[in-house]
Amino acid sequence: MFFNTFNPYKINLFFEDLFFSLCEVVMCSNVNRKHKDSVFSVLFSEPKILRELYSAIEGIEIPPDAVIDINTLSDVLFMKRINDLSFTIDNRIVVLIEHQSTINENIPLRLLMYIARVYEKIIEQEKLYQRKQQKIPTPEFIVLYNGKEEYPDKKELRLSTAFKDITGIKFPENEYPLELIVKVYNISYGRNQEILNKCETLENYSFFIGKVNEYSEKLPLDKAVKTAVEYCIEHDILKEFLMKHGEEAMSVLFWDISMEEYGEIRAEEAYEDGHEDGRNQVLELLSQKLTQVEIEEIKSRLTQIKNN
């Protein structure tokens, strides 16, 4: 059987693959496919707002004639985003921005994979085989965090901290042949206020998510999201955006937060409690927005995968 031997990696993949593949089915039935991007991605999907966002984070003013070209990666087959935001500034800087409510220490590795695909997307492949050096946009990596856990206003995450120890094989060098630095900013409401003050959209988004977190302390997640949306519309916070996207935005935000919560289910915990408990945790989470027919379908697919 699949779970007879403890392998955290396989257990984690089992739940991850199942969860996200089933979310594809559920999102198709509950949310229009064109709205499957995260609320954050949709909110910051216009060049004008990206210019304002980047300027606020970096404390600079982007020249008005600098062209902002969005190149966020997407999965054509499933019509979903892969990364949150990526764009070039005057084709000289390429910026990748991820939004997280739970800090993932693997984000430098993920961004390494994303930037490789972005370069593939924006660079003519035949030029790579020319003798003359191909100049490429300078990359920048940013994570915007607004979760419930305490986190510094600013922190750097480095890819090199994930490298395995090579002591006994060779002497470590002073510099790694590959490095990627991610700048993490805490944008929870009231934190990094200097940045929020310079970008009204980001400040309003921070306030909105803060309200979702506040209401979720006392209400089920779906009701917390709905209540936060109603409050913000009433108080003219992201009013136009929330009224335009309505139910779709609420459904997508529910899934964004739910998948972050799912990410907290560690493989070791699932194993210690028995794989049936881990299975039930996933089902319980999904059942908040599924019909009974969909739940039964999930149970059937869980059984099929477990027995393979």
C-alpha atoms as a PDB file:
ATOM      1  CA  MET A   1       0.000   0.000   0.000  1.00  0.00           C
ATOM      2  CA  PHE A   2       1.013   3.591  -0.611  1.00  0.00           C
ATOM      3  CA  PHE A   3       1.273   4.525   3.058  1.00  0.00           C
ATOM      4  CA  ASN A   4       2.873   1.363   4.456  1.00  0.00           C
ATOM      5  CA  THR A   5       6.350   2.942   4.468  1.00  0.00           C
ATOM      6  CA  PHE A   6       6.782   6.449   5.885  1.00  0.00           C
ATOM      7  CA  ASN A   7       7.904   8.811   3.158  1.00  0.00           C
ATOM      8  CA  PRO A   8       7.005  12.441   3.946  1.00  0.00           C
ATOM      9  CA  TYR A   9       7.766  13.555   0.414  1.00  0.00           C
ATOM     10  CA  LYS A  10       5.385  11.036  -1.160  1.00  0.00           C
ATOM     11  CA  ILE A  11       2.667  11.683   1.420  1.00  0.00           C
ATOM     12  CA  ASN A  12       2.919  15.417   0.827  1.00  0.00           C
ATOM     13  CA  LEU A  13       2.799  14.954  -2.939  1.00  0.00           C
ATOM     14  CA  PHE A  14      -0.223  12.697  -2.582  1.00  0.00           C
ATOM     15  CA  PHE A  15      -2.271  15.361  -0.802  1.00  0.00           C
ATOM     16  CA  GLU A  16      -0.859  18.236  -2.840  1.00  0.00           C
ATOM     17  CA  ASP A  17      -1.559  16.662  -6.217  1.00  0.00           C
ATOM     18  CA  LEU A  18      -4.994  15.569  -5.108  1.00  0.00           C
ATOM     19  CA  PHE A  19      -5.924  18.896  -3.576  1.00  0.00           C
ATOM     20  CA  PHE A  20      -4.904  21.079  -6.458  1.00  0.00           C
ATOM     21  CA  SER A  21      -6.263  18.805  -9.172  1.00  0.00           C
ATOM     22  CA  LEU A  22      -9.610  18.642  -7.399  1.00  0.00           C
ATOM     23  CA  CYS A  23      -9.595  22.392  -6.924  1.00  0.00           C
ATOM     24  CA  GLU A  24      -9.418  22.622 -10.710  1.00  0.00           C
ATOM     25  CA  VAL A  25     -12.706  20.765 -10.948  1.00  0.00           C
ATOM     26  CA  VAL A  26     -14.345  22.717  -8.146  1.00  0.00           C
ATOM     27  CA  MET A  27     -13.195  26.106  -9.403  1.00  0.00           C
ATOM     28  CA  CYS A  28     -14.600  25.320 -12.828  1.00  0.00           C
ATOM     29  CA  SER A  29     -18.015  24.721 -11.311  1.00  0.00           C
ATOM     30  CA  ASN A  30     -18.016  27.607  -8.827  1.00  0.00           C
ATOM     31  CA  VAL A  31     -16.006  30.353 -10.538  1.00  0.00           C
ATOM     32  CA  ASN A  32     -15.832  31.584 -14.097  1.00  0.00           C
ATOM     33  CA  ARG A  33     -12.505  30.359 -15.533  1.00  0.00           C
ATOM     34  CA  LYS A  34     -11.320  33.854 -16.431  1.00  0.00           C
ATOM     35  CA  HIS A  35     -11.493  34.754 -12.733  1.00  0.00           C
ATOM     36  CA  LYS A  36      -9.223  31.960 -11.537  1.00  0.00           C
ATOM     37  CA  ASP A  37      -6.322  34.320 -10.906  1.00  0.00           C
ATOM     38  CA  SER A  38      -5.909  35.345  -7.288  1.00  0.00           C
ATOM     39  CA  VAL A  39      -7.606  38.505  -6.073  1.00  0.00           C
ATOM     40  CA  PHE A  40      -4.130  39.993  -5.597  1.00  0.00           C
ATOM     41  CA  SER A  41      -3.099  39.174  -9.180  1.00  0.00           C
ATOM     42  CA  VAL A  42      -6.259  40.647 -10.669  1.00  0.00           C
ATOM     43  CA  LEU A  43      -6.114  43.754  -8.489  1.00  0.00           C
ATOM     44  CA  PHE A  44      -2.555  44.531  -9.593  1.00  0.00           C
ATOM     45  CA  SER A  45      -2.959  43.519 -13.222  1.00  0.00           C
ATOM     46  CA  GLU A  46      -2.793  47.009 -14.723  1.00  0.00           C
ATOM     47  CA  PRO A  47       0.509  48.710 -15.675  1.00  0.00           C
ATOM     48  CA  LYS A  48      -0.497  51.951 -13.921  1.00  0.00           C
ATOM     49  CA  ILE A  49      -1.041  50.169 -10.592  1.00  0.00           C
ATOM     50  CA  LEU A  50       2.140  48.089 -11.002  1.00  0.00           C
ATOM     51  CA  ARG A  51       4.099  51.312 -11.563  1.00  0.00           C
ATOM     52  CA  GLU A  52       2.656  52.694  -8.326  1.00  0.00           C
ATOM     53  CA  LEU A  53       3.290  49.442  -6.436  1.00  0.00           C
ATOM     54  CA  TYR A  54       6.921  49.054  -7.516  1.00  0.00           C
ATOM     55  CA  SER A  55       7.677  52.725  -6.897  1.00  0.00           C
ATOM     56  CA  ALA A  56       6.270  52.456  -3.360  1.00  0.00           C
ATOM     57  CA  ILE A  57       8.255  49.322  -2.532  1.00  0.00           C
ATOM     58  CA  GLU A  58      11.555  50.595  -3.937  1.00  0.00           C
ATOM     59  CA  GLY A  59      11.097  54.210  -2.861  1.00  0.00           C
ATOM     60  CA  ILE A  60      11.708  55.553  -6.371  1.00  0.00           C
ATOM     61  CA  GLU A  61       9.794  57.203  -9.189  1.00  0.00           C
ATOM     62  CA  ILE A  62       9.662  55.239 -12.427  1.00  0.00           C
ATOM     63  CA  PRO A  63      10.064  57.595 -15.403  1.00  0.00           C
ATOM     64  CA  PRO A  64       6.651  58.266 -16.961  1.00  0.00           C
ATOM     65  CA  ASP A  65       7.856  57.117 -20.387  1.00  0.00           C
ATOM     66  CA  ALA A  66       9.136  53.750 -19.071  1.00  0.00           C
ATOM     67  CA  VAL A  67       7.039  50.936 -20.525  1.00  0.00           C
ATOM     68  CA  ILE A  68       5.485  48.402 -18.107  1.00  0.00           C
ATOM     69  CA  ASP A  69       4.992  45.072 -19.869  1.00  0.00           C
ATOM     70  CA  ILE A  70       3.195  42.317 -17.926  1.00  0.00           C
ATOM     71  CA  ASN A  71       4.469  38.772 -18.566  1.00  0.00           C
ATOM     72  CA  THR A  72       2.933  36.761 -15.713  1.00  0.00           C
ATOM     73  CA  LEU A  73       3.203  33.037 -16.408  1.00  0.00           C
ATOM     74  CA  SER A  74       0.082  30.980 -16.970  1.00  0.00           C
ATOM     75  CA  ASP A  75      -0.832  27.375 -17.620  1.00  0.00           C
ATOM     76  CA  VAL A  76      -2.550  27.389 -21.017  1.00  0.00           C
ATOM     77  CA  LEU A  77      -4.062  23.944 -20.490  1.00  0.00           C
ATOM     78  CA  PHE A  78      -5.816  24.754 -17.202  1.00  0.00           C
ATOM     79  CA  MET A  79      -6.121  28.533 -17.762  1.00  0.00           C
ATOM     80  CA  LYS A  80      -4.564  29.344 -14.393  1.00  0.00           C
ATOM     81  CA  ARG A  81      -1.705  31.487 -13.179  1.00  0.00           C
ATOM     82  CA  ILE A  82       1.640  29.941 -12.249  1.00  0.00           C
ATOM     83  CA  ASN A  83       3.222  32.911 -10.514  1.00  0.00           C
ATOM     84  CA  ASP A  84       1.412  35.922  -9.057  1.00  0.00           C
ATOM     85  CA  LEU A  85       2.941  38.831 -10.957  1.00  0.00           C
ATOM     86  CA  SER A  86       5.852  39.396 -13.298  1.00  0.00           C
ATOM     87  CA  PHE A  87       6.561  42.374 -15.500  1.00  0.00           C
ATOM     88  CA  THR A  88       9.375  44.271 -17.152  1.00  0.00           C
ATOM     89  CA  ILE A  89      10.166  47.952 -16.724  1.00  0.00           C
ATOM     90  CA  ASP A  90      11.388  49.472 -19.970  1.00  0.00           C
ATOM     91  CA  ASN A  91      12.714  45.996 -20.812  1.00  0.00           C
ATOM     92  CA  ARG A  92      15.631  46.693 -18.461  1.00  0.00           C
ATOM     93  CA  ILE A  93      14.287  45.302 -15.174  1.00  0.00           C
ATOM     94  CA  VAL A  94      12.164  42.185 -14.765  1.00  0.00           C
ATOM     95  CA  VAL A  95      10.229  42.036 -11.501  1.00  0.00           C
ATOM     96  CA  LEU A  96       8.623  38.945  -9.969  1.00  0.00           C
ATOM     97  CA  ILE A  97       6.227  39.586  -7.083  1.00  0.00           C
ATOM     98  CA  GLU A  98       4.579  36.873  -5.026  1.00  0.00           C
ATOM     99  CA  HIS A  99       1.885  37.408  -2.405  1.00  0.00           C
ATOM    100  CA  GLN A 100       1.781  35.032   0.571  1.00  0.00           C
ATOM    101  CA  SER A 101      -0.232  34.733   3.755  1.00  0.00           C
ATOM    102  CA  THR A 102       2.108  31.951   4.922  1.00  0.00           C
ATOM    103  CA  ILE A 103       5.830  32.338   4.317  1.00  0.00           C
ATOM    104  CA  ASN A 104       7.203  29.444   2.297  1.00  0.00           C
ATOM    105  CA  GLU A 105      10.943  28.994   2.793  1.00  0.00           C
ATOM    106  CA  ASN A 106      11.129  27.406  -0.663  1.00  0.00           C
ATOM    107  CA  ILE A 107      10.116  30.634  -2.399  1.00  0.00           C
ATOM    108  CA  PRO A 108      13.684  31.384  -3.628  1.00  0.00           C
ATOM    109  CA  LEU A 109      13.748  28.010  -5.402  1.00  0.00           C
ATOM    110  CA  ARG A 110      10.280  28.564  -6.852  1.00  0.00           C
ATOM    111  CA  LEU A 111      11.276  32.009  -8.096  1.00  0.00           C
ATOM    112  CA  LEU A 112      14.400  30.547  -9.689  1.00  0.00           C
ATOM    113  CA  MET A 113      12.166  28.261 -11.738  1.00  0.00           C
ATOM    114  CA  TYR A 114       9.767  31.114 -12.528  1.00  0.00           C
ATOM    115  CA  ILE A 115      12.466  33.521 -13.718  1.00  0.00           C
ATOM    116  CA  ALA A 116      13.886  30.874 -16.058  1.00  0.00           C
ATOM    117  CA  ARG A 117      10.461  30.519 -17.666  1.00  0.00           C
ATOM    118  CA  VAL A 118       9.964  34.286 -17.811  1.00  0.00           C
ATOM    119  CA  TYR A 119      13.288  34.683 -19.627  1.00  0.00           C
ATOM    120  CA  GLU A 120      12.214  31.952 -22.045  1.00  0.00           C
ATOM    121  CA  LYS A 121       9.051  33.942 -22.646  1.00  0.00           C
ATOM    122  CA  ILE A 122      10.623  37.357 -23.244  1.00  0.00           C
ATOM    123  CA  ILE A 123      13.874  36.431 -25.033  1.00  0.00           C
ATOM    124  CA  GLU A 124      14.090  35.288 -28.631  1.00  0.00           C
ATOM    125  CA  GLN A 125      15.489  31.772 -28.355  1.00  0.00           C
ATOM    126  CA  GLU A 126      17.560  31.921 -31.549  1.00  0.00           C
ATOM    127  CA  LYS A 127      19.574  34.811 -30.100  1.00  0.00           C
ATOM    128  CA  LEU A 128      20.943  32.498 -27.427  1.00  0.00           C
ATOM    129  CA  TYR A 129      23.022  30.735 -30.061  1.00  0.00           C
ATOM    130  CA  GLN A 130      24.564  33.877 -31.505  1.00  0.00           C
ATOM    131  CA  ARG A 131      28.163  34.679 -30.581  1.00  0.00           C
ATOM    132  CA  LYS A 132      27.337  38.181 -29.381  1.00  0.00           C
ATOM    133  CA  GLN A 133      26.250  38.325 -25.726  1.00  0.00           C
ATOM    134  CA  GLN A 134      22.493  38.705 -25.290  1.00  0.00           C
ATOM    135  CA  LYS A 135      21.666  41.392 -22.750  1.00  0.00           C
ATOM    136  CA  ILE A 136      18.762  40.512 -20.433  1.00  0.00           C
ATOM    137  CA  PRO A 137      16.623  42.513 -17.980  1.00  0.00           C
ATOM    138  CA  THR A 138      18.003  42.627 -14.435  1.00  0.00           C
ATOM    139  CA  PRO A 139      15.812  40.458 -12.169  1.00  0.00           C
ATOM    140  CA  GLU A 140      14.254  41.500  -8.881  1.00  0.00           C
ATOM    141  CA  PHE A 141      12.345  39.188  -6.544  1.00  0.00           C
ATOM    142  CA  ILE A 142       9.764  40.457  -4.076  1.00  0.00           C
ATOM    143  CA  VAL A 143       7.361  38.726  -1.681  1.00  0.00           C
ATOM    144  CA  LEU A 144       4.523  40.646  -0.042  1.00  0.00           C
ATOM    145  CA  TYR A 145       3.375  38.958   3.164  1.00  0.00           C
ATOM    146  CA  ASN A 146       0.210  39.687   5.138  1.00  0.00           C
ATOM    147  CA  GLY A 147      -0.517  36.585   7.185  1.00  0.00           C
ATOM    148  CA  LYS A 148      -1.563  36.105  10.788  1.00  0.00           C
ATOM    149  CA  GLU A 149       1.845  34.993  12.061  1.00  0.00           C
ATOM    150  CA  GLU A 150       4.284  37.582  13.378  1.00  0.00           C
ATOM    151  CA  TYR A 151       6.947  38.474  10.802  1.00  0.00           C
ATOM    152  CA  PRO A 152       9.565  41.241  10.461  1.00  0.00           C
ATOM    153  CA  ASP A 153       8.802  44.339   8.399  1.00  0.00           C
ATOM    154  CA  LYS A 154      11.532  43.305   5.974  1.00  0.00           C
ATOM    155  CA  LYS A 155      13.623  40.180   5.530  1.00  0.00           C
ATOM    156  CA  GLU A 156      15.808  38.576   2.896  1.00  0.00           C
ATOM    157  CA  LEU A 157      15.528  34.929   1.847  1.00  0.00           C
ATOM    158  CA  ARG A 158      18.436  33.389  -0.067  1.00  0.00           C
ATOM    159  CA  LEU A 159      18.533  30.384  -2.347  1.00  0.00           C
ATOM    160  CA  SER A 160      21.988  29.439  -1.041  1.00  0.00           C
ATOM    161  CA  THR A 161      20.585  28.556   2.400  1.00  0.00           C
ATOM    162  CA  ALA A 162      18.933  25.568   0.714  1.00  0.00           C
ATOM    163  CA  PHE A 163      22.204  24.173  -0.659  1.00  0.00           C
ATOM    164  CA  LYS A 164      23.371  20.929   0.909  1.00  0.00           C
ATOM    165  CA  ASP A 165      26.536  20.829   3.000  1.00  0.00           C
ATOM    166  CA  ILE A 166      29.503  19.785   0.854  1.00  0.00           C
ATOM    167  CA  THR A 167      31.959  19.432   3.725  1.00  0.00           C
ATOM    168  CA  GLY A 168      34.028  16.267   3.184  1.00  0.00           C
ATOM    169  CA  ILE A 169      33.723  16.523  -0.575  1.00  0.00           C
ATOM    170  CA  LYS A 170      35.392  19.884  -1.137  1.00  0.00           C
ATOM    171  CA  PHE A 171      36.108  23.113   0.679  1.00  0.00           C
ATOM    172  CA  PRO A 172      33.196  25.563   0.441  1.00  0.00           C
ATOM    173  CA  GLU A 173      33.962  28.627  -1.678  1.00  0.00           C
ATOM    174  CA  ASN A 174      33.487  32.205  -0.498  1.00  0.00           C
ATOM    175  CA  GLU A 175      30.783  32.781  -3.092  1.00  0.00           C
ATOM    176  CA  TYR A 176      28.229  30.380  -4.499  1.00  0.00           C
ATOM    177  CA  PRO A 177      28.115  29.984  -8.274  1.00  0.00           C
ATOM    178  CA  LEU A 178      24.366  30.548  -8.075  1.00  0.00           C
ATOM    179  CA  GLU A 179      22.429  32.856  -5.772  1.00  0.00           C
ATOM    180  CA  LEU A 180      18.940  34.345  -5.710  1.00  0.00           C
ATOM    181  CA  ILE A 181      17.843  36.935  -3.137  1.00  0.00           C
ATOM    182  CA  VAL A 182      14.196  37.532  -2.305  1.00  0.00           C
ATOM    183  CA  LYS A 183      13.103  40.672  -0.493  1.00  0.00           C
ATOM    184  CA  VAL A 184      10.131  39.965   1.780  1.00  0.00           C
ATOM    185  CA  TYR A 185       7.957  42.847   2.988  1.00  0.00           C
ATOM    186  CA  ASN A 186       5.293  42.541   5.665  1.00  0.00           C
ATOM    187  CA  ILE A 187       2.277  44.431   4.306  1.00  0.00           C
ATOM    188  CA  SER A 188      -0.129  43.509   7.105  1.00  0.00           C
ATOM    189  CA  TYR A 189      -2.228  46.555   7.891  1.00  0.00           C
ATOM    190  CA  GLY A 190      -0.204  48.905  10.090  1.00  0.00           C
ATOM    191  CA  ARG A 191       3.163  47.455   9.057  1.00  0.00           C
ATOM    192  CA  ASN A 192       5.559  49.141   6.613  1.00  0.00           C
ATOM    193  CA  GLN A 193       3.226  52.107   6.621  1.00  0.00           C
ATOM    194  CA  GLU A 194       5.656  54.160   4.537  1.00  0.00           C
ATOM    195  CA  ILE A 195       5.156  51.735   1.650  1.00  0.00           C
ATOM    196  CA  LEU A 196       1.388  51.518   2.129  1.00  0.00           C
ATOM    197  CA  ASN A 197       1.060  55.306   2.199  1.00  0.00           C
ATOM    198  CA  LYS A 198       2.628  55.516  -1.261  1.00  0.00           C
ATOM    199  CA  CYS A 199       0.347  52.921  -2.867  1.00  0.00           C
ATOM    200  CA  GLU A 200      -3.347  53.382  -2.119  1.00  0.00           C
ATOM    201  CA  THR A 201      -4.320  50.120  -3.810  1.00  0.00           C
ATOM    202  CA  LEU A 202      -1.869  48.142  -1.678  1.00  0.00           C
ATOM    203  CA  GLU A 203      -3.002  49.893   1.500  1.00  0.00           C
ATOM    204  CA  ASN A 204      -6.651  49.158   0.734  1.00  0.00           C
ATOM    205  CA  TYR A 205      -5.845  45.539  -0.093  1.00  0.00           C
ATOM    206  CA  SER A 206      -3.921  45.234   3.183  1.00  0.00           C
ATOM    207  CA  PHE A 207      -6.904  46.640   5.077  1.00  0.00           C
ATOM    208  CA  PHE A 208      -9.298  44.286   3.279  1.00  0.00           C
ATOM    209  CA  ILE A 209      -7.255  41.164   4.075  1.00  0.00           C
ATOM    210  CA  GLY A 210      -6.906  42.414   7.644  1.00  0.00           C
ATOM    211  CA  LYS A 211     -10.689  42.498   7.875  1.00  0.00           C
ATOM    212  CA  VAL A 212     -10.936  38.965   6.465  1.00  0.00           C
ATOM    213  CA  ASN A 213      -8.476  37.760   9.129  1.00  0.00           C
ATOM    214  CA  GLU A 214     -10.345  39.649  11.838  1.00  0.00           C
ATOM    215  CA  TYR A 215     -13.751  38.201  10.932  1.00  0.00           C
ATOM    216  CA  SER A 216     -12.336  34.701  10.417  1.00  0.00           C
ATOM    217  CA  GLU A 217     -11.540  34.572  14.142  1.00  0.00           C
ATOM    218  CA  LYS A 218     -15.282  34.329  14.849  1.00  0.00           C
ATOM    219  CA  LEU A 219     -16.881  33.253  11.568  1.00  0.00           C
ATOM    220  CA  PRO A 220     -16.419  30.412   9.064  1.00  0.00           C
ATOM    221  CA  LEU A 221     -14.031  31.460   6.316  1.00  0.00           C
ATOM    222  CA  ASP A 222     -16.647  31.891   3.584  1.00  0.00           C
ATOM    223  CA  LYS A 223     -18.786  34.118   5.820  1.00  0.00           C
ATOM    224  CA  ALA A 224     -15.706  36.048   6.975  1.00  0.00           C
ATOM    225  CA  VAL A 225     -14.795  36.825   3.358  1.00  0.00           C
ATOM    226  CA  LYS A 226     -18.364  37.860   2.542  1.00  0.00           C
ATOM    227  CA  THR A 227     -18.590  40.093   5.616  1.00  0.00           C
ATOM    228  CA  ALA A 228     -15.233  41.718   4.846  1.00  0.00           C
ATOM    229  CA  VAL A 229     -16.327  42.406   1.260  1.00  0.00           C
ATOM    230  CA  GLU A 230     -19.571  43.986   2.458  1.00  0.00           C
ATOM    231  CA  TYR A 231     -17.739  46.121   5.028  1.00  0.00           C
ATOM    232  CA  CYS A 232     -15.189  47.393   2.508  1.00  0.00           C
ATOM    233  CA  ILE A 233     -17.830  48.222  -0.103  1.00  0.00           C
ATOM    234  CA  GLU A 234     -19.809  50.127   2.510  1.00  0.00           C
ATOM    235  CA  HIS A 235     -16.707  52.083   3.575  1.00  0.00           C
ATOM    236  CA  ASP A 236     -15.471  52.746   0.010  1.00  0.00           C
ATOM    237  CA  ILE A 237     -12.412  50.483   0.263  1.00  0.00           C
ATOM    238  CA  LEU A 238     -11.703  48.712  -3.048  1.00  0.00           C
ATOM    239  CA  LYS A 239     -15.380  49.393  -3.686  1.00  0.00           C
ATOM    240  CA  GLU A 240     -15.242  49.476  -7.481  1.00  0.00           C
ATOM    241  CA  PHE A 241     -13.091  46.346  -7.682  1.00  0.00           C
ATOM    242  CA  LEU A 242     -15.190  44.337  -5.203  1.00  0.00           C
ATOM    243  CA  MET A 243     -18.487  45.361  -6.791  1.00  0.00           C
ATOM    244  CA  LYS A 244     -17.188  44.498 -10.258  1.00  0.00           C
ATOM    245  CA  HIS A 245     -15.900  41.039  -9.357  1.00  0.00           C
ATOM    246  CA  GLY A 246     -18.540  40.218  -6.745  1.00  0.00           C
ATOM    247  CA  GLU A 247     -19.112  36.518  -6.117  1.00  0.00           C
ATOM    248  CA  GLU A 248     -16.182  35.477  -8.282  1.00  0.00           C
ATOM    249  CA  ALA A 249     -13.752  37.480  -6.173  1.00  0.00           C
ATOM    250  CA  MET A 250     -15.167  36.047  -2.946  1.00  0.00           C
ATOM    251  CA  SER A 251     -14.952  32.476  -4.234  1.00  0.00           C
ATOM    252  CA  VAL A 252     -11.397  32.900  -5.481  1.00  0.00           C
ATOM    253  CA  LEU A 253     -10.295  34.548  -2.232  1.00  0.00           C
ATOM    254  CA  PHE A 254     -11.867  31.682  -0.290  1.00  0.00           C
ATOM    255  CA  TRP A 255      -9.802  29.193  -2.280  1.00  0.00           C
ATOM    256  CA  ASP A 256      -6.633  31.275  -2.015  1.00  0.00           C
ATOM    257  CA  ILE A 257      -6.868  31.284   1.781  1.00  0.00           C
ATOM    258  CA  SER A 258      -8.062  27.683   1.979  1.00  0.00           C
ATOM    259  CA  MET A 259      -5.087  26.452  -0.031  1.00  0.00           C
ATOM    260  CA  GLU A 260      -2.745  28.431   2.220  1.00  0.00           C
ATOM    261  CA  GLU A 261      -4.366  26.739   5.233  1.00  0.00           C
ATOM    262  CA  TYR A 262      -4.003  23.357   3.536  1.00  0.00           C
ATOM    263  CA  GLY A 263      -0.305  24.069   3.143  1.00  0.00           C
ATOM    264  CA  GLU A 264      -0.034  24.016   6.933  1.00  0.00           C
ATOM    265  CA  ILE A 265      -0.919  20.315   7.000  1.00  0.00           C
ATOM    266  CA  ARG A 266       2.559  18.836   7.313  1.00  0.00           C
ATOM    267  CA  ALA A 267       3.425  15.367   6.053  1.00  0.00           C
ATOM    268  CA  GLU A 268       4.773  14.333   9.444  1.00  0.00           C
ATOM    269  CA  GLU A 269       1.503  15.298  11.139  1.00  0.00           C
ATOM    270  CA  ALA A 270      -0.530  13.427   8.560  1.00  0.00           C
ATOM    271  CA  TYR A 271       1.596  10.345   9.127  1.00  0.00           C
ATOM    272  CA  GLU A 272       1.523  10.535  12.941  1.00  0.00           C
ATOM    273  CA  ASP A 273      -2.249  10.874  12.986  1.00  0.00           C
ATOM    274  CA  GLY A 274      -2.726   8.218  10.322  1.00  0.00           C
ATOM    275  CA  HIS A 275      -3.303   8.831   6.641  1.00  0.00           C
ATOM    276  CA  GLU A 276      -7.074   8.574   7.115  1.00  0.00           C
ATOM    277  CA  ASP A 277      -6.984  11.643   9.374  1.00  0.00           C
ATOM    278  CA  GLY A 278      -4.946  13.511   6.776  1.00  0.00           C
ATOM    279  CA  ARG A 279      -7.462  12.427   4.157  1.00  0.00           C
ATOM    280  CA  ASN A 280     -10.320  13.673   6.302  1.00  0.00           C
ATOM    281  CA  GLN A 281      -8.622  17.036   6.910  1.00  0.00           C
ATOM    282  CA  VAL A 282      -8.478  17.658   3.175  1.00  0.00           C
ATOM    283  CA  LEU A 283     -12.097  16.579   2.727  1.00  0.00           C
ATOM    284  CA  GLU A 284     -13.253  18.739   5.627  1.00  0.00           C
ATOM    285  CA  LEU A 285     -11.545  21.774   4.152  1.00  0.00           C
ATOM    286  CA  LEU A 286     -12.970  21.183   0.694  1.00  0.00           C
ATOM    287  CA  SER A 287     -16.465  20.396   1.995  1.00  0.00           C
ATOM    288  CA  GLN A 288     -16.956  23.998   3.036  1.00  0.00           C
ATOM    289  CA  LYS A 289     -17.675  24.859  -0.603  1.00  0.00           C
ATOM    290  CA  LEU A 290     -18.576  21.522  -2.245  1.00  0.00           C
ATOM    291  CA  THR A 291     -21.833  19.778  -2.925  1.00  0.00           C
ATOM    292  CA  GLN A 292     -22.398  16.280  -1.588  1.00  0.00           C
ATOM    293  CA  VAL A 293     -22.007  14.851  -5.103  1.00  0.00           C
ATOM    294  CA  GLU A 294     -18.605  16.527  -5.450  1.00  0.00           C
ATOM    295  CA  ILE A 295     -17.519  15.259  -2.027  1.00  0.00           C
ATOM    296  CA  GLU A 296     -18.424  11.683  -2.990  1.00  0.00           C
ATOM    297  CA  GLU A 297     -16.440  12.061  -6.213  1.00  0.00           C
ATOM    298  CA  ILE A 298     -13.422  13.217  -4.214  1.00  0.00           C
ATOM    299  CA  LYS A 299     -13.702  10.277  -1.826  1.00  0.00           C
ATOM    300  CA  SER A 300     -13.761   7.918  -4.785  1.00  0.00           C
ATOM    301  CA  ARG A 301     -10.689   9.513  -6.348  1.00  0.00           C
ATOM    302  CA  LEU A 302      -8.874   9.463  -3.015  1.00  0.00           C
ATOM    303  CA  THR A 303      -9.441   5.736  -2.760  1.00  0.00           C
ATOM    304  CA  GLN A 304      -8.280   5.154  -6.332  1.00  0.00           C
ATOM    305  CA  ILE A 305      -5.055   7.112  -5.845  1.00  0.00           C
ATOM    306  CA  LYS A 306      -4.305   5.488  -2.473  1.00  0.00           C
ATOM    307  CA  ASN A 307      -4.640   2.012  -3.978  1.00  0.00           C
ATOM    308  CA  ASN A 308      -2.339   2.739  -6.954  1.00  0.00           C
END
